[in-house]
Amino acid sequence: MATILIPTPLRRFTGNSPKVNISGNLLSEIIANLVYEFPEVQRHLLDTSGEVRPFLNIFVDQDDIRDLNHQNTPITSASVISIVPAIAGGKI
């Protein structure tokens, strides 16, 4: 099972767990299984067409899925998936 690191804003939808173990061979399967186990996370993770919301960055190990195969990125049982919300700032 791959490990998903859950960011603080989404932990309230995963029983306050900072990480969960989910099975799947592609990132799309991992996301579907995560949503199946924790349905409330779906609206925060995916848009209405089922794509990862644009303000979220997802990494498989150290690689951004945008540099890989997006939701078709292969996952192994040793993979660590990080969900990282984009951070916007104000004036410096």
Protein backbone atom coordinates (compact mmCIF):
# COMPACT_ATOMS: atom_id res chain seq x y z
CA MET A 1 0.00 0.00 0.00
CA ALA A 2 1.20 3.48 -0.83
CA THR A 3 1.36 6.13 1.86
CA ILE A 4 -0.48 9.42 1.35
CA LEU A 5 0.68 12.37 3.43
CA ILE A 6 -2.41 14.40 4.30
CA PRO A 7 -2.00 18.18 4.67
CA THR A 8 -3.35 19.77 7.83
CA PRO A 9 -6.41 21.40 6.16
CA LEU A 10 -7.63 18.01 4.89
CA ARG A 11 -6.97 15.97 8.03
CA ARG A 12 -10.41 16.69 9.46
CA PHE A 13 -11.78 14.58 6.59
CA THR A 14 -9.41 11.65 7.27
CA GLY A 15 -10.05 11.22 10.99
CA ASN A 16 -7.25 13.70 11.80
CA SER A 17 -4.69 11.27 10.43
CA PRO A 18 -1.51 12.86 9.01
CA LYS A 19 -1.04 9.89 6.68
CA VAL A 20 -3.09 7.03 5.32
CA ASN A 21 -2.18 3.86 3.48
CA ILE A 22 -4.16 3.23 0.30
CA SER A 23 -3.82 0.54 -2.36
CA GLY A 24 -3.72 1.09 -6.10
CA ASN A 25 -1.42 0.81 -9.11
CA LEU A 26 -2.06 4.25 -10.62
CA LEU A 27 -2.52 7.59 -8.92
CA SER A 28 -6.10 7.69 -10.22
CA GLU A 29 -6.80 4.40 -8.37
CA ILE A 30 -5.18 5.72 -5.21
CA ILE A 31 -7.33 8.86 -5.35
CA ALA A 32 -10.50 6.83 -6.04
CA ASN A 33 -9.73 4.54 -3.09
CA LEU A 34 -8.96 7.53 -0.84
CA VAL A 35 -12.30 9.12 -1.79
CA TYR A 36 -14.08 5.81 -1.24
CA GLU A 37 -12.62 5.52 2.26
CA PHE A 38 -13.00 9.24 3.08
CA PRO A 39 -15.85 10.61 0.89
CA GLU A 40 -15.72 14.16 2.23
CA VAL A 41 -12.19 14.65 0.91
CA GLN A 42 -13.43 14.44 -2.69
CA ARG A 43 -14.77 18.00 -3.01
CA HIS A 44 -11.51 19.38 -1.65
CA LEU A 45 -9.28 17.21 -3.81
CA LEU A 46 -11.11 16.91 -7.15
CA ASP A 47 -13.06 19.29 -9.38
CA THR A 48 -16.44 18.37 -10.90
CA SER A 49 -14.76 16.60 -13.84
CA GLY A 50 -12.71 14.38 -11.50
CA GLU A 51 -9.41 16.18 -12.08
CA VAL A 52 -7.11 17.23 -9.25
CA ARG A 53 -7.92 20.80 -8.30
CA PRO A 54 -5.43 23.25 -9.83
CA PHE A 55 -4.41 24.75 -6.48
CA LEU A 56 -3.20 21.38 -5.21
CA ASN A 57 0.23 20.01 -5.96
CA ILE A 58 0.61 16.25 -5.75
CA PHE A 59 3.98 14.58 -5.58
CA VAL A 60 4.80 10.90 -5.97
CA ASP A 61 7.95 10.48 -3.97
CA GLN A 62 9.82 13.68 -4.95
CA ASP A 63 8.25 14.19 -8.38
CA ASP A 64 5.36 16.50 -9.25
CA ILE A 65 2.67 14.54 -11.09
CA ARG A 66 2.60 17.33 -13.70
CA ASP A 67 6.12 16.23 -14.66
CA LEU A 68 5.03 12.59 -14.74
CA ASN A 69 1.78 11.16 -16.13
CA HIS A 70 -0.63 13.19 -14.00
CA GLN A 71 -3.31 10.85 -12.62
CA ASN A 72 -1.94 8.00 -14.77
CA THR A 73 1.32 7.99 -12.81
CA PRO A 74 2.25 4.45 -11.73
CA ILE A 75 2.33 3.82 -7.97
CA THR A 76 4.21 1.13 -6.06
CA SER A 77 3.64 -0.10 -2.53
CA ALA A 78 6.72 1.90 -1.49
CA SER A 79 5.45 5.17 -3.00
CA VAL A 80 4.88 8.19 -0.80
CA ILE A 81 2.26 10.58 -2.16
CA SER A 82 2.24 14.13 -0.85
CA ILE A 83 -0.72 16.45 -1.24
CA VAL A 84 0.52 20.03 -1.01
CA PRO A 85 -1.94 22.94 -1.14
CA ALA A 86 -0.60 25.94 -3.05
CA ILE A 87 0.35 28.84 -0.83
CA ALA A 88 -0.47 32.37 -1.92
CA GLY A 89 0.95 35.40 -0.26
CA GLY A 90 0.48 39.10 -0.13
CA LYS A 91 2.88 41.96 -0.63
CA ILE A 92 6.42 41.67 0.59
